[in-house]
Amino acid sequence: MTTASSTAVPTLIGSVQRALRLLEAVGAYRDGAPAKQLARQAGLPLPTAYHLLRTLAHEGYLRRENGVFRLGAAAANLTAAPGLRSRAVPETGDRPASVADSLGHWRDIIGVPVYCAVYCDGEIEVIAVADVPDAPAAEEWASFRETGHAHAIGQCLLAQLDEKAREDHLDRHPVRPLTRYSVRDRAALLERLRTLRRGEPVIERQEYTLGTVCAAIPVTAGATIAAMAISVPLDREERLLPAVEQLRGEVASLLRSFVFSISI
């Protein structure tokens, strides 16, 4: 006699199945594909497909650029090494050292979380983070994209923009204090950015997250506006400046060797 448990049909969630079919469809196109094409390949009505694509993009499994959808960071993270979270689609085949490769290396030798971000299409994009359980990265409790005025990596990127681009960014993402240590208003932020000396680290103490201090350095990679950053707990603040100087030396060495690729 067959028991009920052996014949029970597993409960399947249709929306999950449809989302997975869309992910598989996106993965088949290296350069991405528009919603209409993905819906057709996945066998879904366009409104359903578009709703799921937007949800997957919001959660980071996809990214939408110029009308096409590509795999996003969360999808890449499913197969990433422990402690390494990329926010860019990894390249395949023979290639220079990627951002994710380099960040993992620097995390190991410096012993602190390491971040990489770029300024792309008018927005701050953190494209990779490397940390370990005993030295976790800062939690993104408020969107890094919208709060560039309050964290070191954002301030470092904003400092590299021309005046028009910087003003445009702040029009779209107004300055607002996140902690009692945050820059208070737009005028104060612009004054701070104007006083930064070219190439020097940007230091931020508890402006984004209480109990965390950060430092960022600008990175020259062709026409890309980029920055690398580190963070440490406030009770280890003495590690901040030596660690960021070590990071600057590592980045400079890698750039001189022409084997570093920032993929956006």
C-alpha atoms as a PDB file:
ATOM      1  CA  MET A   1       0.000   0.000   0.000  1.00  0.00           C
ATOM      2  CA  THR A   2       1.334   3.430  -0.957  1.00  0.00           C
ATOM      3  CA  THR A   3       1.375   5.930   1.863  1.00  0.00           C
ATOM      4  CA  ALA A   4      -0.038   9.409   1.513  1.00  0.00           C
ATOM      5  CA  SER A   5       3.376  10.947   2.151  1.00  0.00           C
ATOM      6  CA  SER A   6       4.960   9.108  -0.779  1.00  0.00           C
ATOM      7  CA  THR A   7       2.276  10.199  -3.265  1.00  0.00           C
ATOM      8  CA  ALA A   8       1.861  13.785  -2.093  1.00  0.00           C
ATOM      9  CA  VAL A   9       2.433  16.322  -4.840  1.00  0.00           C
ATOM     10  CA  PRO A  10       4.970  18.953  -3.784  1.00  0.00           C
ATOM     11  CA  THR A  11       3.634  22.448  -3.395  1.00  0.00           C
ATOM     12  CA  LEU A  12       5.023  24.582  -6.216  1.00  0.00           C
ATOM     13  CA  ILE A  13       4.978  28.386  -6.246  1.00  0.00           C
ATOM     14  CA  GLY A  14       4.099  29.496  -9.748  1.00  0.00           C
ATOM     15  CA  SER A  15       5.568  33.002  -9.433  1.00  0.00           C
ATOM     16  CA  VAL A  16       8.908  31.561  -8.340  1.00  0.00           C
ATOM     17  CA  GLN A  17       8.918  29.192 -11.311  1.00  0.00           C
ATOM     18  CA  ARG A  18       8.179  32.063 -13.679  1.00  0.00           C
ATOM     19  CA  ALA A  19      10.910  34.226 -12.145  1.00  0.00           C
ATOM     20  CA  LEU A  20      13.435  31.418 -12.508  1.00  0.00           C
ATOM     21  CA  ARG A  21      12.482  30.963 -16.157  1.00  0.00           C
ATOM     22  CA  LEU A  22      13.125  34.667 -16.708  1.00  0.00           C
ATOM     23  CA  LEU A  23      16.528  34.446 -15.009  1.00  0.00           C
ATOM     24  CA  GLU A  24      17.431  31.544 -17.283  1.00  0.00           C
ATOM     25  CA  ALA A  25      16.281  33.570 -20.283  1.00  0.00           C
ATOM     26  CA  VAL A  26      18.391  36.584 -19.272  1.00  0.00           C
ATOM     27  CA  GLY A  27      21.397  34.319 -18.720  1.00  0.00           C
ATOM     28  CA  ALA A  28      21.189  33.174 -22.328  1.00  0.00           C
ATOM     29  CA  TYR A  29      21.998  36.688 -23.589  1.00  0.00           C
ATOM     30  CA  ARG A  30      25.478  37.945 -22.766  1.00  0.00           C
ATOM     31  CA  ASP A  31      24.603  41.508 -23.810  1.00  0.00           C
ATOM     32  CA  GLY A  32      21.139  41.429 -22.256  1.00  0.00           C
ATOM     33  CA  ALA A  33      17.716  41.437 -23.872  1.00  0.00           C
ATOM     34  CA  PRO A  34      14.557  43.594 -23.738  1.00  0.00           C
ATOM     35  CA  ALA A  35      11.498  42.577 -21.750  1.00  0.00           C
ATOM     36  CA  LYS A  36       9.487  41.618 -24.837  1.00  0.00           C
ATOM     37  CA  GLN A  37      12.134  39.165 -26.030  1.00  0.00           C
ATOM     38  CA  LEU A  38      12.560  37.656 -22.563  1.00  0.00           C
ATOM     39  CA  ALA A  39       8.814  37.250 -22.129  1.00  0.00           C
ATOM     40  CA  ARG A  40       8.587  35.411 -25.430  1.00  0.00           C
ATOM     41  CA  GLN A  41      11.488  33.097 -24.563  1.00  0.00           C
ATOM     42  CA  ALA A  42      10.104  32.349 -21.101  1.00  0.00           C
ATOM     43  CA  GLY A  43       6.601  31.791 -22.483  1.00  0.00           C
ATOM     44  CA  LEU A  44       5.031  34.500 -20.345  1.00  0.00           C
ATOM     45  CA  PRO A  45       2.575  37.317 -21.022  1.00  0.00           C
ATOM     46  CA  LEU A  46       4.461  40.601 -21.343  1.00  0.00           C
ATOM     47  CA  PRO A  47       2.753  42.309 -18.328  1.00  0.00           C
ATOM     48  CA  THR A  48       3.606  39.336 -16.095  1.00  0.00           C
ATOM     49  CA  ALA A  49       7.169  39.197 -17.380  1.00  0.00           C
ATOM     50  CA  TYR A  50       7.671  42.933 -16.928  1.00  0.00           C
ATOM     51  CA  HIS A  51       6.364  42.835 -13.353  1.00  0.00           C
ATOM     52  CA  LEU A  52       8.739  39.989 -12.481  1.00  0.00           C
ATOM     53  CA  LEU A  53      11.674  41.642 -14.264  1.00  0.00           C
ATOM     54  CA  ARG A  54      11.166  44.832 -12.253  1.00  0.00           C
ATOM     55  CA  THR A  55      11.025  42.832  -9.031  1.00  0.00           C
ATOM     56  CA  LEU A  56      14.193  40.893  -9.887  1.00  0.00           C
ATOM     57  CA  ALA A  57      15.947  44.145 -10.768  1.00  0.00           C
ATOM     58  CA  HIS A  58      14.844  45.750  -7.493  1.00  0.00           C
ATOM     59  CA  GLU A  59      16.292  42.787  -5.571  1.00  0.00           C
ATOM     60  CA  GLY A  60      19.573  42.959  -7.501  1.00  0.00           C
ATOM     61  CA  TYR A  61      19.228  39.737  -9.474  1.00  0.00           C
ATOM     62  CA  LEU A  62      18.939  41.734 -12.684  1.00  0.00           C
ATOM     63  CA  ARG A  63      20.016  45.185 -13.796  1.00  0.00           C
ATOM     64  CA  ARG A  64      18.373  47.245 -16.487  1.00  0.00           C
ATOM     65  CA  GLU A  65      20.532  49.371 -18.782  1.00  0.00           C
ATOM     66  CA  ASN A  66      19.510  51.103 -21.988  1.00  0.00           C
ATOM     67  CA  GLY A  67      16.282  49.150 -22.205  1.00  0.00           C
ATOM     68  CA  VAL A  68      17.759  45.666 -21.773  1.00  0.00           C
ATOM     69  CA  PHE A  69      18.010  43.388 -18.752  1.00  0.00           C
ATOM     70  CA  ARG A  70      21.268  41.729 -17.676  1.00  0.00           C
ATOM     71  CA  LEU A  71      22.158  39.484 -14.761  1.00  0.00           C
ATOM     72  CA  GLY A  72      22.856  41.511 -11.638  1.00  0.00           C
ATOM     73  CA  ALA A  73      25.030  41.273  -8.565  1.00  0.00           C
ATOM     74  CA  ALA A  74      22.728  39.059  -6.522  1.00  0.00           C
ATOM     75  CA  ALA A  75      22.743  36.465  -9.296  1.00  0.00           C
ATOM     76  CA  ALA A  76      26.546  36.545  -9.442  1.00  0.00           C
ATOM     77  CA  ASN A  77      26.720  36.256  -5.663  1.00  0.00           C
ATOM     78  CA  LEU A  78      24.945  32.895  -5.747  1.00  0.00           C
ATOM     79  CA  THR A  79      28.204  31.328  -6.961  1.00  0.00           C
ATOM     80  CA  ALA A  80      30.670  33.795  -5.444  1.00  0.00           C
ATOM     81  CA  ALA A  81      33.418  32.780  -3.047  1.00  0.00           C
ATOM     82  CA  PRO A  82      32.616  33.328   0.657  1.00  0.00           C
ATOM     83  CA  GLY A  83      33.101  36.941   1.731  1.00  0.00           C
ATOM     84  CA  LEU A  84      33.151  38.281  -1.835  1.00  0.00           C
ATOM     85  CA  ARG A  85      30.105  40.087  -3.185  1.00  0.00           C
ATOM     86  CA  SER A  86      30.255  41.488  -6.663  1.00  0.00           C
ATOM     87  CA  ARG A  87      27.779  44.024  -8.022  1.00  0.00           C
ATOM     88  CA  ALA A  88      28.896  43.668 -11.629  1.00  0.00           C
ATOM     89  CA  VAL A  89      28.372  40.827 -14.060  1.00  0.00           C
ATOM     90  CA  PRO A  90      31.662  38.885 -14.166  1.00  0.00           C
ATOM     91  CA  GLU A  91      33.481  38.633 -17.459  1.00  0.00           C
ATOM     92  CA  THR A  92      34.361  35.262 -18.928  1.00  0.00           C
ATOM     93  CA  GLY A  93      37.400  33.858 -20.652  1.00  0.00           C
ATOM     94  CA  ASP A  94      40.932  35.222 -20.408  1.00  0.00           C
ATOM     95  CA  ARG A  95      40.883  38.657 -18.809  1.00  0.00           C
ATOM     96  CA  PRO A  96      42.865  40.986 -16.560  1.00  0.00           C
ATOM     97  CA  ALA A  97      42.414  40.782 -12.808  1.00  0.00           C
ATOM     98  CA  SER A  98      38.840  41.832 -12.059  1.00  0.00           C
ATOM     99  CA  VAL A  99      37.690  44.166  -9.325  1.00  0.00           C
ATOM    100  CA  ALA A 100      36.316  41.240  -7.322  1.00  0.00           C
ATOM    101  CA  ASP A 101      39.606  39.324  -7.599  1.00  0.00           C
ATOM    102  CA  SER A 102      41.616  42.323  -6.442  1.00  0.00           C
ATOM    103  CA  LEU A 103      39.294  43.273  -3.589  1.00  0.00           C
ATOM    104  CA  GLY A 104      39.457  39.749  -2.197  1.00  0.00           C
ATOM    105  CA  HIS A 105      43.254  39.887  -2.306  1.00  0.00           C
ATOM    106  CA  TRP A 106      43.431  43.272  -0.596  1.00  0.00           C
ATOM    107  CA  ARG A 107      40.918  42.232   2.047  1.00  0.00           C
ATOM    108  CA  ASP A 108      43.148  39.289   2.920  1.00  0.00           C
ATOM    109  CA  ILE A 109      46.407  41.224   3.164  1.00  0.00           C
ATOM    110  CA  ILE A 110      45.048  44.391   4.818  1.00  0.00           C
ATOM    111  CA  GLY A 111      42.508  42.660   7.036  1.00  0.00           C
ATOM    112  CA  VAL A 112      39.622  45.108   6.573  1.00  0.00           C
ATOM    113  CA  PRO A 113      36.532  45.247   4.331  1.00  0.00           C
ATOM    114  CA  VAL A 114      37.290  46.716   0.904  1.00  0.00           C
ATOM    115  CA  TYR A 115      34.795  48.380  -1.427  1.00  0.00           C
ATOM    116  CA  CYS A 116      34.856  49.568  -5.040  1.00  0.00           C
ATOM    117  CA  ALA A 117      32.413  52.045  -6.552  1.00  0.00           C
ATOM    118  CA  VAL A 118      32.037  53.954  -9.802  1.00  0.00           C
ATOM    119  CA  TYR A 119      30.032  56.964 -10.917  1.00  0.00           C
ATOM    120  CA  CYS A 120      28.001  55.729 -13.881  1.00  0.00           C
ATOM    121  CA  ASP A 121      25.097  57.354 -15.717  1.00  0.00           C
ATOM    122  CA  GLY A 122      24.720  59.966 -13.010  1.00  0.00           C
ATOM    123  CA  GLU A 123      24.617  57.549 -10.091  1.00  0.00           C
ATOM    124  CA  ILE A 124      26.925  56.102  -7.433  1.00  0.00           C
ATOM    125  CA  GLU A 125      27.247  52.359  -7.963  1.00  0.00           C
ATOM    126  CA  VAL A 126      29.052  50.123  -5.451  1.00  0.00           C
ATOM    127  CA  ILE A 127      30.158  47.331  -7.799  1.00  0.00           C
ATOM    128  CA  ALA A 128      32.016  45.012  -5.418  1.00  0.00           C
ATOM    129  CA  VAL A 129      32.572  44.436  -1.701  1.00  0.00           C
ATOM    130  CA  ALA A 130      34.966  42.020   0.005  1.00  0.00           C
ATOM    131  CA  ASP A 131      34.751  41.242   3.721  1.00  0.00           C
ATOM    132  CA  VAL A 132      34.938  38.389   6.205  1.00  0.00           C
ATOM    133  CA  PRO A 133      32.693  37.419   9.138  1.00  0.00           C
ATOM    134  CA  ASP A 134      35.029  38.864  11.771  1.00  0.00           C
ATOM    135  CA  ALA A 135      35.431  42.098   9.777  1.00  0.00           C
ATOM    136  CA  PRO A 136      32.038  42.699   8.130  1.00  0.00           C
ATOM    137  CA  ALA A 137      31.344  45.463   5.649  1.00  0.00           C
ATOM    138  CA  ALA A 138      29.144  48.387   6.614  1.00  0.00           C
ATOM    139  CA  GLU A 139      25.471  47.512   6.290  1.00  0.00           C
ATOM    140  CA  GLU A 140      23.672  49.432   3.560  1.00  0.00           C
ATOM    141  CA  TRP A 141      20.866  50.579   5.817  1.00  0.00           C
ATOM    142  CA  ALA A 142      20.252  53.665   3.638  1.00  0.00           C
ATOM    143  CA  SER A 143      20.816  53.532  -0.111  1.00  0.00           C
ATOM    144  CA  PHE A 144      24.481  54.174  -0.927  1.00  0.00           C
ATOM    145  CA  ARG A 145      23.297  55.665  -4.230  1.00  0.00           C
ATOM    146  CA  GLU A 146      21.105  58.275  -2.537  1.00  0.00           C
ATOM    147  CA  THR A 147      23.401  59.123   0.398  1.00  0.00           C
ATOM    148  CA  GLY A 148      26.744  59.768  -1.299  1.00  0.00           C
ATOM    149  CA  HIS A 149      27.120  62.957   0.737  1.00  0.00           C
ATOM    150  CA  ALA A 150      27.275  60.888   3.936  1.00  0.00           C
ATOM    151  CA  HIS A 151      29.872  58.208   3.208  1.00  0.00           C
ATOM    152  CA  ALA A 152      33.521  58.340   2.214  1.00  0.00           C
ATOM    153  CA  ILE A 153      33.209  56.518  -1.082  1.00  0.00           C
ATOM    154  CA  GLY A 154      30.372  58.773  -2.193  1.00  0.00           C
ATOM    155  CA  GLN A 155      32.213  61.936  -1.206  1.00  0.00           C
ATOM    156  CA  CYS A 156      35.298  60.670  -3.046  1.00  0.00           C
ATOM    157  CA  LEU A 157      33.293  60.145  -6.235  1.00  0.00           C
ATOM    158  CA  LEU A 158      31.475  63.478  -5.941  1.00  0.00           C
ATOM    159  CA  ALA A 159      34.805  65.256  -5.514  1.00  0.00           C
ATOM    160  CA  GLN A 160      35.910  63.941  -8.918  1.00  0.00           C
ATOM    161  CA  LEU A 161      32.893  65.341 -10.783  1.00  0.00           C
ATOM    162  CA  ASP A 162      32.871  68.677 -12.505  1.00  0.00           C
ATOM    163  CA  GLU A 163      30.744  71.382 -10.922  1.00  0.00           C
ATOM    164  CA  LYS A 164      27.768  70.897 -13.235  1.00  0.00           C
ATOM    165  CA  ALA A 165      27.607  67.129 -12.689  1.00  0.00           C
ATOM    166  CA  ARG A 166      28.001  67.547  -8.932  1.00  0.00           C
ATOM    167  CA  GLU A 167      25.201  70.111  -8.720  1.00  0.00           C
ATOM    168  CA  ASP A 168      22.971  67.876 -10.827  1.00  0.00           C
ATOM    169  CA  HIS A 169      23.626  64.930  -8.510  1.00  0.00           C
ATOM    170  CA  LEU A 170      22.796  66.936  -5.406  1.00  0.00           C
ATOM    171  CA  ASP A 171      19.622  68.267  -7.027  1.00  0.00           C
ATOM    172  CA  ARG A 172      18.468  64.660  -7.437  1.00  0.00           C
ATOM    173  CA  HIS A 173      19.846  63.396  -4.110  1.00  0.00           C
ATOM    174  CA  PRO A 174      19.634  66.249  -1.579  1.00  0.00           C
ATOM    175  CA  VAL A 175      21.972  66.412   1.385  1.00  0.00           C
ATOM    176  CA  ARG A 176      20.354  65.228   4.607  1.00  0.00           C
ATOM    177  CA  PRO A 177      22.021  64.289   7.886  1.00  0.00           C
ATOM    178  CA  LEU A 178      21.971  60.564   8.644  1.00  0.00           C
ATOM    179  CA  THR A 179      23.690  60.775  12.033  1.00  0.00           C
ATOM    180  CA  ARG A 180      24.659  63.601  14.340  1.00  0.00           C
ATOM    181  CA  TYR A 181      28.103  63.548  12.702  1.00  0.00           C
ATOM    182  CA  SER A 182      26.843  63.879   9.104  1.00  0.00           C
ATOM    183  CA  VAL A 183      27.487  66.930   6.976  1.00  0.00           C
ATOM    184  CA  ARG A 184      24.532  69.192   7.707  1.00  0.00           C
ATOM    185  CA  ASP A 185      23.691  70.800   4.376  1.00  0.00           C
ATOM    186  CA  ARG A 186      24.668  71.218   0.754  1.00  0.00           C
ATOM    187  CA  ALA A 187      26.835  74.281   1.306  1.00  0.00           C
ATOM    188  CA  ALA A 188      28.890  72.499   3.961  1.00  0.00           C
ATOM    189  CA  LEU A 189      29.365  69.483   1.715  1.00  0.00           C
ATOM    190  CA  LEU A 190      30.476  71.563  -1.272  1.00  0.00           C
ATOM    191  CA  GLU A 191      32.940  73.445   0.908  1.00  0.00           C
ATOM    192  CA  ARG A 192      34.374  70.152   2.157  1.00  0.00           C
ATOM    193  CA  LEU A 193      34.734  68.808  -1.373  1.00  0.00           C
ATOM    194  CA  ARG A 194      36.429  72.004  -2.544  1.00  0.00           C
ATOM    195  CA  THR A 195      39.065  71.745   0.189  1.00  0.00           C
ATOM    196  CA  LEU A 196      40.083  68.173  -0.662  1.00  0.00           C
ATOM    197  CA  ARG A 197      43.533  67.970  -2.149  1.00  0.00           C
ATOM    198  CA  ARG A 198      43.831  65.984  -5.364  1.00  0.00           C
ATOM    199  CA  GLY A 199      44.436  62.293  -4.700  1.00  0.00           C
ATOM    200  CA  GLU A 200      44.228  62.470  -0.905  1.00  0.00           C
ATOM    201  CA  PRO A 201      42.049  60.004   1.036  1.00  0.00           C
ATOM    202  CA  VAL A 202      38.550  61.085   1.997  1.00  0.00           C
ATOM    203  CA  ILE A 203      37.923  60.337   5.668  1.00  0.00           C
ATOM    204  CA  GLU A 204      34.438  59.908   7.109  1.00  0.00           C
ATOM    205  CA  ARG A 205      33.815  59.291  10.802  1.00  0.00           C
ATOM    206  CA  GLN A 206      30.373  57.988  11.787  1.00  0.00           C
ATOM    207  CA  GLU A 207      28.615  60.120   9.151  1.00  0.00           C
ATOM    208  CA  TYR A 208      26.830  57.168   7.548  1.00  0.00           C
ATOM    209  CA  THR A 209      26.764  54.624  10.378  1.00  0.00           C
ATOM    210  CA  LEU A 210      27.406  55.207  14.069  1.00  0.00           C
ATOM    211  CA  GLY A 211      30.362  53.164  15.286  1.00  0.00           C
ATOM    212  CA  THR A 212      32.032  52.948  11.849  1.00  0.00           C
ATOM    213  CA  VAL A 213      34.795  55.050  10.268  1.00  0.00           C
ATOM    214  CA  CYS A 214      35.693  54.913   6.584  1.00  0.00           C
ATOM    215  CA  ALA A 215      38.297  56.157   4.136  1.00  0.00           C
ATOM    216  CA  ALA A 216      38.205  56.274   0.336  1.00  0.00           C
ATOM    217  CA  ILE A 217      40.731  56.979  -2.408  1.00  0.00           C
ATOM    218  CA  PRO A 218      40.113  58.044  -6.011  1.00  0.00           C
ATOM    219  CA  VAL A 219      41.084  55.567  -8.727  1.00  0.00           C
ATOM    220  CA  THR A 220      42.065  56.572 -12.253  1.00  0.00           C
ATOM    221  CA  ALA A 221      40.929  53.907 -14.719  1.00  0.00           C
ATOM    222  CA  GLY A 222      40.628  55.470 -18.146  1.00  0.00           C
ATOM    223  CA  ALA A 223      37.562  57.681 -18.340  1.00  0.00           C
ATOM    224  CA  THR A 224      35.848  55.877 -15.458  1.00  0.00           C
ATOM    225  CA  ILE A 225      35.293  57.861 -12.255  1.00  0.00           C
ATOM    226  CA  ALA A 226      36.008  55.318  -9.532  1.00  0.00           C
ATOM    227  CA  ALA A 227      36.976  54.973  -5.892  1.00  0.00           C
ATOM    228  CA  MET A 228      38.142  52.308  -3.452  1.00  0.00           C
ATOM    229  CA  ALA A 229      37.286  52.405   0.234  1.00  0.00           C
ATOM    230  CA  ILE A 230      37.775  50.612   3.524  1.00  0.00           C
ATOM    231  CA  SER A 231      35.888  50.681   6.808  1.00  0.00           C
ATOM    232  CA  VAL A 232      36.767  49.794  10.389  1.00  0.00           C
ATOM    233  CA  PRO A 233      34.866  49.875  13.691  1.00  0.00           C
ATOM    234  CA  LEU A 234      35.256  53.061  15.705  1.00  0.00           C
ATOM    235  CA  ASP A 235      37.175  51.202  18.430  1.00  0.00           C
ATOM    236  CA  ARG A 236      39.808  50.284  15.801  1.00  0.00           C
ATOM    237  CA  GLU A 237      40.058  53.757  14.293  1.00  0.00           C
ATOM    238  CA  GLU A 238      43.842  53.721  14.628  1.00  0.00           C
ATOM    239  CA  ARG A 239      43.871  51.129  11.821  1.00  0.00           C
ATOM    240  CA  LEU A 240      42.101  53.436   9.357  1.00  0.00           C
ATOM    241  CA  LEU A 241      44.919  55.630   8.046  1.00  0.00           C
ATOM    242  CA  PRO A 242      47.598  52.898   7.867  1.00  0.00           C
ATOM    243  CA  ALA A 243      45.124  50.596   6.125  1.00  0.00           C
ATOM    244  CA  VAL A 244      44.040  53.159   3.524  1.00  0.00           C
ATOM    245  CA  GLU A 245      47.665  54.022   2.783  1.00  0.00           C
ATOM    246  CA  GLN A 246      48.353  50.316   2.314  1.00  0.00           C
ATOM    247  CA  LEU A 247      45.362  50.094  -0.018  1.00  0.00           C
ATOM    248  CA  ARG A 248      46.574  53.108  -1.995  1.00  0.00           C
ATOM    249  CA  GLY A 249      49.947  51.464  -2.472  1.00  0.00           C
ATOM    250  CA  GLU A 250      48.348  48.208  -3.609  1.00  0.00           C
ATOM    251  CA  VAL A 251      46.057  49.973  -6.086  1.00  0.00           C
ATOM    252  CA  ALA A 252      48.902  52.072  -7.495  1.00  0.00           C
ATOM    253  CA  SER A 253      51.034  48.980  -7.945  1.00  0.00           C
ATOM    254  CA  LEU A 254      48.261  47.139  -9.743  1.00  0.00           C
ATOM    255  CA  LEU A 255      47.454  50.077 -12.019  1.00  0.00           C
ATOM    256  CA  ARG A 256      51.136  50.389 -12.968  1.00  0.00           C
ATOM    257  CA  SER A 257      51.123  46.756 -14.024  1.00  0.00           C
ATOM    258  CA  PHE A 258      48.162  47.373 -16.417  1.00  0.00           C
ATOM    259  CA  VAL A 259      46.303  44.277 -15.236  1.00  0.00           C
ATOM    260  CA  PHE A 260      43.346  45.876 -13.515  1.00  0.00           C
ATOM    261  CA  SER A 261      39.902  45.991 -15.074  1.00  0.00           C
ATOM    262  CA  ILE A 262      36.893  47.868 -13.728  1.00  0.00           C
ATOM    263  CA  SER A 263      33.814  46.326 -15.294  1.00  0.00           C
ATOM    264  CA  ILE A 264      30.580  48.328 -15.253  1.00  0.00           C
END
